[in-house]
């Protein structure tokens, strides 16, 4: 008997028939939003760009605003196992029926666009779906994470009450330019005239660009220097917490007399799945989506600072195409790994585990290849139980999502070949 394809699967298939590679430029997204009645104008928004930490900062800001009693939308990318993770209202993923309804509406609007604008991409469609979901749910504010860059990113159709730029580094140079200055200029493209902007201390080349753009546009600029504690692990998360705190403060969304208390409560309550998250206790299992060299460096520092990890460590690693395993492994070489298990997500963009293993050969004496993520985690767990060690799963967010699902129940989309 042939399995019945659900309406949710059909919605995913339509989305995945649109281009899944980045398509920068705003004309198409602006036209799509016009066809949908400009949903982005029906709520306040906070807009967050950066190389690292923008997702964590978005989650923190949303948590603070929810603690204050506001109805909050949150859109981030990429997702771990379900596209519905990209559209969250008051801490809950939208349900499948709502997802299907939104996808149909956006698809119908996309069909009305001029052929000269080309077909809206997967990310553009999902961003439009999120904006419609937030408008229809009547959110007070939406926290919106940039997908790629900023200036020409699909999310830049919003007119925020405040924006933030997290730590900047070299990323997506094929789209954003060859130098840190070029990249900073693209990220700073979310800054709007007169709208407050928050950032952290940056490399001089990047700082000069951000300061210059803010000055030219008359955007009040706050540069946070000191970190702040939060529920997420790692020194880099303290920096992100400081940015989120300042962002909410300068937004004017909360009463200045009470904002400090809501910030403390929100940072204590924040959850951000798959980011240095403890998912197992016997043995200790940590999952962290460090998918590039910058993130891997932060992971190595966090491991070194974590007193729980003074024991044999077993690494489970998988990488997506477009990311060099050697770049990710270089900062992780400072960790004394007892073993490495290379694997690959059940996703067409995954690099073969054997290719990842070749890059990992110098990391420690024991490097194995186990294609299935669940089985790879099971091998590492058995080793950790045998020697009193711990397991760290990192690399692709798809790998982290599959590993997390072995310990924590979570929504999972059916694998679609169009990926």
Protein backbone atom coordinates (compact mmCIF):
# COMPACT_ATOMS: atom_id res chain seq x y z
CA UNK A 1 0.00 0.00 0.00
CA UNK A 2 1.41 3.41 -1.04
CA UNK A 3 1.70 5.78 1.96
CA UNK A 4 -0.56 8.84 1.78
CA UNK A 5 1.27 12.16 1.48
CA UNK A 6 -0.03 14.58 4.09
CA UNK A 7 -0.90 18.21 3.45
CA UNK A 8 2.08 19.14 5.61
CA UNK A 9 4.44 17.05 3.47
CA UNK A 10 2.97 18.62 0.33
CA UNK A 11 3.60 22.08 1.81
CA UNK A 12 7.22 21.13 2.52
CA UNK A 13 7.61 19.79 -1.01
CA UNK A 14 6.29 23.03 -2.53
CA UNK A 15 8.70 25.02 -0.38
CA UNK A 16 11.61 22.82 -1.40
CA UNK A 17 10.79 23.19 -5.09
CA UNK A 18 11.74 26.85 -4.70
CA UNK A 19 15.46 27.71 -4.68
CA UNK A 20 17.12 26.62 -1.44
CA UNK A 21 20.39 28.48 -2.05
CA UNK A 22 20.57 32.15 -0.92
CA UNK A 23 19.00 34.75 -3.20
CA UNK A 24 20.03 38.19 -1.98
CA UNK A 25 18.06 41.31 -2.91
CA UNK A 26 14.94 42.98 -1.56
CA UNK A 27 12.76 43.75 -4.61
CA UNK A 28 11.29 40.26 -4.74
CA UNK A 29 10.65 40.08 -0.98
CA UNK A 30 9.14 43.56 -0.92
CA UNK A 31 6.80 42.61 -3.76
CA UNK A 32 5.83 39.39 -1.97
CA UNK A 33 5.02 41.29 1.21
CA UNK A 34 2.97 43.83 -0.76
CA UNK A 35 0.95 40.97 -2.23
CA UNK A 36 0.36 39.69 1.31
CA UNK A 37 -0.81 43.06 2.65
CA UNK A 38 2.48 44.11 4.29
CA UNK A 39 2.20 41.93 7.41
CA UNK A 40 5.50 43.30 8.76
CA UNK A 41 3.81 46.66 9.44
CA UNK A 42 1.35 45.18 11.93
CA UNK A 43 3.71 44.64 14.87
CA UNK A 44 6.86 46.08 16.40
CA UNK A 45 10.07 44.24 15.63
CA UNK A 46 13.64 43.79 16.78
CA UNK A 47 16.14 42.91 14.05
CA UNK A 48 19.38 41.03 14.79
CA UNK A 49 22.35 40.42 12.47
CA UNK A 50 25.88 39.14 13.06
CA UNK A 51 28.29 36.34 12.29
CA UNK A 52 27.96 34.41 15.54
CA UNK A 53 25.43 34.55 18.33
CA UNK A 54 22.54 36.18 16.54
CA UNK A 55 20.26 33.19 17.15
CA UNK A 56 21.13 33.02 20.85
CA UNK A 57 20.70 36.79 21.17
CA UNK A 58 17.31 36.55 19.47
CA UNK A 59 16.20 33.78 21.85
CA UNK A 60 17.32 35.84 24.84
CA UNK A 61 15.54 39.00 23.71
CA UNK A 62 12.34 37.02 23.08
CA UNK A 63 12.59 35.42 26.53
CA UNK A 64 12.93 38.82 28.21
CA UNK A 65 9.95 40.24 26.37
CA UNK A 66 7.81 37.22 27.23
CA UNK A 67 8.72 37.63 30.91
CA UNK A 68 7.32 41.16 30.64
CA UNK A 69 3.97 39.75 29.51
CA UNK A 70 4.21 40.68 25.83
CA UNK A 71 2.99 38.39 23.06
CA UNK A 72 6.19 37.58 21.17
CA UNK A 73 6.98 36.13 17.77
CA UNK A 74 10.42 34.68 17.03
CA UNK A 75 11.88 33.65 13.70
CA UNK A 76 15.35 32.10 13.45
CA UNK A 77 17.25 29.88 11.04
CA UNK A 78 18.28 27.25 10.29
CA UNK A 79 16.18 24.65 12.06
CA UNK A 80 17.25 21.41 13.73
CA UNK A 81 14.61 18.90 12.61
CA UNK A 82 11.42 20.77 11.70
CA UNK A 83 10.82 23.85 9.57
CA UNK A 84 8.17 24.83 12.12
CA UNK A 85 11.02 25.74 14.50
CA UNK A 86 11.47 28.87 12.38
CA UNK A 87 8.07 30.29 13.37
CA UNK A 88 7.56 30.47 17.14
CA UNK A 89 4.83 32.38 18.97
CA UNK A 90 5.01 32.74 22.75
CA UNK A 91 7.60 29.98 22.94
CA UNK A 92 5.59 27.42 20.93
CA UNK A 93 6.15 26.20 17.39
CA UNK A 94 3.19 26.80 15.10
CA UNK A 95 1.21 23.64 14.43
CA UNK A 96 1.19 21.78 11.11
CA UNK A 97 -2.25 23.03 10.08
CA UNK A 98 -1.18 26.65 10.56
CA UNK A 99 2.04 25.98 8.67
CA UNK A 100 0.08 24.53 5.74
CA UNK A 101 -2.33 27.47 5.67
CA UNK A 102 0.53 29.98 5.70
CA UNK A 103 2.44 28.14 2.99
CA UNK A 104 -0.59 28.05 0.71
CA UNK A 105 -1.19 31.76 1.16
CA UNK A 106 2.43 32.67 0.48
CA UNK A 107 2.60 30.34 -2.51
CA UNK A 108 -0.54 31.95 -3.98
CA UNK A 109 0.96 35.42 -3.48
CA UNK A 110 4.25 34.32 -5.05
CA UNK A 111 2.39 33.24 -8.18
CA UNK A 112 1.11 36.79 -8.68
CA UNK A 113 4.59 38.32 -8.85
CA UNK A 114 6.12 39.56 -12.07
CA UNK A 115 8.27 36.88 -13.79
CA UNK A 116 11.07 39.47 -13.92
CA UNK A 117 11.47 39.11 -10.14
CA UNK A 118 12.24 35.37 -10.34
CA UNK A 119 10.81 32.74 -8.01
CA UNK A 120 10.94 33.52 -4.27
CA UNK A 121 13.39 31.29 -2.45
CA UNK A 122 12.77 28.80 0.34
CA UNK A 123 14.04 31.31 2.91
CA UNK A 124 12.04 34.18 1.46
CA UNK A 125 8.85 32.13 1.56
CA UNK A 126 9.42 30.98 5.14
CA UNK A 127 10.22 34.54 6.20
CA UNK A 128 6.99 35.74 4.61
CA UNK A 129 5.12 32.93 6.37
CA UNK A 130 6.60 34.03 9.71
CA UNK A 131 5.60 37.67 9.14
CA UNK A 132 2.05 36.61 8.27
CA UNK A 133 1.87 34.31 11.29
CA UNK A 134 2.95 37.10 13.63
CA UNK A 135 0.50 39.59 12.13
CA UNK A 136 -2.42 37.17 12.36
CA UNK A 137 -1.55 36.11 15.91
CA UNK A 138 -1.51 39.74 16.98
CA UNK A 139 1.96 39.64 18.51
CA UNK A 140 3.12 42.77 20.28
CA UNK A 141 6.66 42.33 18.99
CA UNK A 142 8.58 39.98 16.72
CA UNK A 143 12.26 39.17 17.21
CA UNK A 144 13.71 38.55 13.77
CA UNK A 145 17.08 36.94 13.10
CA UNK A 146 18.79 37.81 9.81
CA UNK A 147 19.40 34.84 7.53
CA UNK A 148 22.49 35.90 5.55
CA UNK A 149 24.26 39.25 5.72
CA UNK A 150 21.69 41.92 6.40
CA UNK A 151 21.48 44.66 3.78
CA UNK A 152 20.01 42.39 1.10
CA UNK A 153 18.56 39.70 3.37
CA UNK A 154 14.86 38.89 3.05
CA UNK A 155 14.25 39.92 6.67
CA UNK A 156 15.34 43.49 5.91
CA UNK A 157 11.81 44.40 4.83
CA UNK A 158 11.00 45.07 8.50
CA UNK A 159 11.28 48.54 10.05
CA UNK A 160 12.43 47.70 13.57
CA UNK A 161 12.16 49.74 16.75
CA UNK A 162 15.76 48.67 17.49
CA UNK A 163 18.39 46.41 15.97
CA UNK A 164 21.56 44.62 17.04
CA UNK A 165 24.76 43.37 15.44
CA UNK A 166 26.47 40.53 17.27
CA UNK A 167 30.10 39.45 16.95
CA UNK A 168 31.41 39.79 13.38
CA UNK A 169 33.86 37.52 11.60
CA UNK A 170 34.68 36.07 8.21
CA UNK A 171 31.66 34.20 6.86
CA UNK A 172 29.86 33.62 3.56
CA UNK A 173 32.54 35.59 1.72
CA UNK A 174 31.21 34.41 -1.63
CA UNK A 175 28.08 36.46 -0.91
CA UNK A 176 29.27 39.20 1.46
CA UNK A 177 32.72 40.11 0.21
CA UNK A 178 36.38 39.24 0.79
CA UNK A 179 37.23 41.36 3.84
CA UNK A 180 35.87 41.93 7.32
CA UNK A 181 35.03 45.49 6.26
CA UNK A 182 32.87 44.22 3.40
CA UNK A 183 31.11 41.76 5.70
CA UNK A 184 30.54 44.43 8.36
CA UNK A 185 29.02 46.75 5.75
CA UNK A 186 26.53 44.06 4.71
CA UNK A 187 25.59 43.27 8.31
CA UNK A 188 25.30 46.99 9.14
CA UNK A 189 22.79 47.25 6.31
CA UNK A 190 20.03 46.54 8.83
CA UNK A 191 20.69 49.86 10.59
CA UNK A 192 17.88 52.36 9.92
CA UNK A 193 17.86 56.14 10.19
CA UNK A 194 17.23 57.24 13.76
CA UNK A 195 16.65 53.66 15.01
CA UNK A 196 18.75 52.58 18.04
CA UNK A 197 21.39 49.96 17.34
CA UNK A 198 23.37 47.81 19.76
CA UNK A 199 26.63 45.98 19.15
CA UNK A 200 29.57 44.56 21.08
CA UNK A 201 33.28 45.29 20.84
CA UNK A 202 34.42 44.33 17.35
CA UNK A 203 37.67 44.02 15.46
CA UNK A 204 38.82 47.57 14.48
CA UNK A 205 37.99 47.09 10.78
CA UNK A 206 34.45 45.97 11.57
CA UNK A 207 33.93 48.51 14.37
CA UNK A 208 34.85 51.40 12.07
CA UNK A 209 32.20 50.32 9.57
CA UNK A 210 29.40 49.87 12.13
CA UNK A 211 30.18 53.16 13.87
CA UNK A 212 30.38 54.96 10.52
CA UNK A 213 27.02 53.65 9.29
CA UNK A 214 25.30 54.46 12.58
CA UNK A 215 26.72 57.98 12.57
CA UNK A 216 25.72 58.59 8.94
CA UNK A 217 22.14 57.47 9.60
CA UNK A 218 21.79 59.23 12.95
CA UNK A 219 21.15 55.88 14.66
CA UNK A 220 21.92 56.01 18.40
CA UNK A 221 24.67 53.43 18.97
CA UNK A 222 25.25 51.41 22.15
CA UNK A 223 28.43 49.33 22.39
CA UNK A 224 28.31 46.78 25.21
CA UNK A 225 31.63 46.00 26.83
CA UNK A 226 30.88 43.74 29.80
CA UNK A 227 29.16 40.39 29.54
CA UNK A 228 26.20 39.32 31.64
CA UNK A 229 25.19 35.99 33.10
CA UNK A 230 22.42 33.89 31.56
CA UNK A 231 21.12 30.33 31.49
CA UNK A 232 23.24 29.42 28.46
CA UNK A 233 26.83 28.19 28.89
CA UNK A 234 29.95 29.88 27.57
CA UNK A 235 31.69 33.25 27.74
CA UNK A 236 30.36 34.08 24.27
CA UNK A 237 26.80 33.68 25.60
CA UNK A 238 27.51 36.29 28.27
CA UNK A 239 28.39 38.69 25.46
CA UNK A 240 25.17 37.77 23.65
CA UNK A 241 23.20 38.28 26.87
CA UNK A 242 24.62 41.77 27.23
CA UNK A 243 23.61 42.62 23.66
CA UNK A 244 20.08 41.25 24.20
CA UNK A 245 19.72 43.21 27.44
CA UNK A 246 20.79 46.47 25.83
CA UNK A 247 18.62 45.80 22.78
CA UNK A 248 15.47 45.40 24.84
CA UNK A 249 16.38 48.44 26.94
CA UNK A 250 16.92 50.82 24.01
CA UNK A 251 13.85 49.53 22.16
CA UNK A 252 11.51 51.42 24.47
CA UNK A 253 9.15 48.45 24.49
CA UNK A 254 9.32 48.10 28.28
CA UNK A 255 8.96 50.56 31.13
CA UNK A 256 12.48 51.69 32.12
CA UNK A 257 11.49 51.39 35.78
CA UNK A 258 10.85 47.63 35.51
CA UNK A 259 12.97 46.51 32.55
CA UNK A 260 15.94 45.39 34.69
CA UNK A 261 13.84 42.79 36.53
CA UNK A 262 12.39 41.39 33.32
CA UNK A 263 15.86 41.18 31.80
CA UNK A 264 17.16 39.15 34.74
CA UNK A 265 14.15 36.82 34.66
CA UNK A 266 14.29 36.39 30.89
CA UNK A 267 18.01 35.59 30.81
CA UNK A 268 17.56 33.06 33.60
CA UNK A 269 14.69 31.37 31.74
CA UNK A 270 16.07 31.36 28.18
CA UNK A 271 16.32 28.09 26.31
CA UNK A 272 18.11 27.62 22.99
CA UNK A 273 18.11 23.98 21.87
CA UNK A 274 21.27 22.49 20.45
CA UNK A 275 23.63 25.19 21.72
CA UNK A 276 25.93 23.71 24.35
CA UNK A 277 22.92 21.88 25.69
CA UNK A 278 23.17 19.00 28.15
CA UNK A 279 20.84 16.28 26.85
CA UNK A 280 22.14 13.25 28.76
CA UNK A 281 23.38 12.71 32.32
CA UNK A 282 24.55 9.08 32.41
CA UNK A 283 26.94 9.57 30.76
CA UNK A 284 27.10 13.32 30.28
CA UNK A 285 26.11 14.18 26.68
CA UNK A 286 26.38 17.73 25.32
CA UNK A 287 25.19 18.86 21.88
CA UNK A 288 26.39 22.08 20.28
CA UNK A 289 25.84 23.33 16.74
CA UNK A 290 29.34 24.67 16.12
CA UNK A 291 29.30 24.48 12.33
CA UNK A 292 32.29 26.71 11.49
CA UNK A 293 35.71 27.65 12.82
CA UNK A 294 34.54 30.65 14.84
CA UNK A 295 31.85 28.63 16.61
CA UNK A 296 34.23 25.69 17.12
CA UNK A 297 36.67 28.05 18.83
CA UNK A 298 33.92 29.16 21.22
CA UNK A 299 33.05 25.51 21.86
CA UNK A 300 36.68 24.62 22.65
CA UNK A 301 36.87 27.50 25.13
CA UNK A 302 33.59 26.50 26.78
CA UNK A 303 34.75 22.88 27.10
CA UNK A 304 37.98 24.04 28.73
CA UNK A 305 36.00 26.14 31.21
CA UNK A 306 33.48 23.40 32.06
CA UNK A 307 34.54 21.56 35.24
CA UNK A 308 32.19 18.68 34.38
CA UNK A 309 34.43 17.75 31.46
CA UNK A 310 37.61 16.91 33.35
CA UNK A 311 37.34 13.34 32.07
CA UNK A 312 37.83 11.39 28.82
CA UNK A 313 35.91 13.11 26.01
CA UNK A 314 34.38 11.40 23.00
CA UNK A 315 33.52 13.56 19.98
CA UNK A 316 30.70 12.86 17.53
CA UNK A 317 31.14 15.05 14.48
CA UNK A 318 29.24 15.64 11.24
CA UNK A 319 29.58 18.47 8.74
CA UNK A 320 27.39 19.87 5.97
CA UNK A 321 28.60 20.62 2.46
CA UNK A 322 29.92 24.15 2.18
CA UNK A 323 31.85 23.89 5.45
CA UNK A 324 35.44 22.63 5.51
CA UNK A 325 35.96 19.96 8.20
CA UNK A 326 39.57 21.11 8.69
CA UNK A 327 38.44 24.66 9.50
CA UNK A 328 36.08 23.36 12.17
CA UNK A 329 38.57 20.86 13.57
CA UNK A 330 41.51 23.27 13.92
CA UNK A 331 40.24 24.99 17.11
CA UNK A 332 38.95 21.68 18.48
CA UNK A 333 42.48 20.23 18.32
CA UNK A 334 43.18 21.90 21.67
CA UNK A 335 40.77 19.46 23.35
CA UNK A 336 42.29 16.10 24.46
CA UNK A 337 39.77 13.82 22.73
CA UNK A 338 39.74 10.16 23.69
CA UNK A 339 37.96 9.19 20.45
CA UNK A 340 36.17 10.66 17.44
CA UNK A 341 33.14 9.18 15.69
CA UNK A 342 32.52 10.77 12.29
CA UNK A 343 28.96 10.66 11.02
CA UNK A 344 26.53 12.33 8.64
CA UNK A 345 22.99 13.62 8.96
CA UNK A 346 20.10 12.05 7.04
CA UNK A 347 20.19 15.05 4.74
CA UNK A 348 21.39 15.38 1.14
CA UNK A 349 23.66 18.29 2.09
CA UNK A 350 25.64 16.20 4.58
CA UNK A 351 29.30 15.47 3.87
CA UNK A 352 30.08 11.74 3.97
CA UNK A 353 31.34 10.65 7.36
CA UNK A 354 34.42 9.16 5.70
CA UNK A 355 35.42 12.60 4.40
CA UNK A 356 35.02 14.13 7.86
CA UNK A 357 37.05 11.26 9.36
CA UNK A 358 39.99 11.91 7.02
CA UNK A 359 40.18 15.48 8.32
CA UNK A 360 39.97 14.22 11.91
CA UNK A 361 42.77 11.64 11.71
CA UNK A 362 45.27 13.84 13.52
CA UNK A 363 42.88 14.73 16.32
CA UNK A 364 43.34 11.56 18.39
CA UNK A 365 44.38 7.90 17.99
CA UNK A 366 40.82 6.54 17.63
CA UNK A 367 38.75 7.84 14.69
CA UNK A 368 35.80 5.80 13.43
CA UNK A 369 33.07 6.28 10.84
CA UNK A 370 29.46 5.46 11.71
CA UNK A 371 27.08 6.75 9.05
CA UNK A 372 23.89 6.90 11.12
CA UNK A 373 23.87 9.72 13.70
CA UNK A 374 21.92 7.75 16.29
CA UNK A 375 24.30 4.80 16.03
CA UNK A 376 27.32 7.14 16.16
CA UNK A 377 26.03 8.65 19.39
CA UNK A 378 25.38 5.17 20.79
CA UNK A 379 29.01 4.18 20.08
CA UNK A 380 30.31 7.29 21.85
CA UNK A 381 27.93 6.74 24.78
CA UNK A 382 29.17 3.15 25.23
CA UNK A 383 32.75 4.38 25.27
CA UNK A 384 31.94 7.11 27.79
CA UNK A 385 30.21 4.60 30.08
CA UNK A 386 33.23 2.33 29.83
CA UNK A 387 35.85 4.93 30.77
CA UNK A 388 33.80 7.35 32.88
CA UNK A 389 33.91 9.92 30.11
CA UNK A 390 31.50 12.33 28.41
CA UNK A 391 30.18 12.83 24.87
CA UNK A 392 30.21 16.03 22.83
CA UNK A 393 28.20 16.14 19.58
CA UNK A 394 28.93 19.02 17.25
CA UNK A 395 29.17 20.27 13.67
CA UNK A 396 26.11 20.51 11.47
CA UNK A 397 22.88 21.57 13.14
CA UNK A 398 21.23 18.68 11.31
CA UNK A 399 23.57 16.26 13.12
CA UNK A 400 22.95 18.03 16.42
CA UNK A 401 19.20 17.83 15.85
CA UNK A 402 19.28 14.09 15.16
CA UNK A 403 21.50 13.49 18.19
CA UNK A 404 19.29 15.62 20.43
CA UNK A 405 16.21 13.69 19.32
CA UNK A 406 17.78 10.51 20.72
CA UNK A 407 17.46 12.02 24.21
CA UNK A 408 14.67 14.60 24.02
CA UNK A 409 11.32 14.27 22.23
CA UNK A 410 11.07 16.93 19.52
CA UNK A 411 9.12 17.57 16.31
CA UNK A 412 10.77 16.06 13.24
CA UNK A 413 9.91 16.63 9.61
CA UNK A 414 9.92 13.68 7.23
CA UNK A 415 13.09 13.61 5.14
CA UNK A 416 12.43 15.26 1.80
CA UNK A 417 14.65 14.38 -1.17
CA UNK A 418 14.44 17.94 -2.54
CA UNK A 419 16.86 19.12 0.15
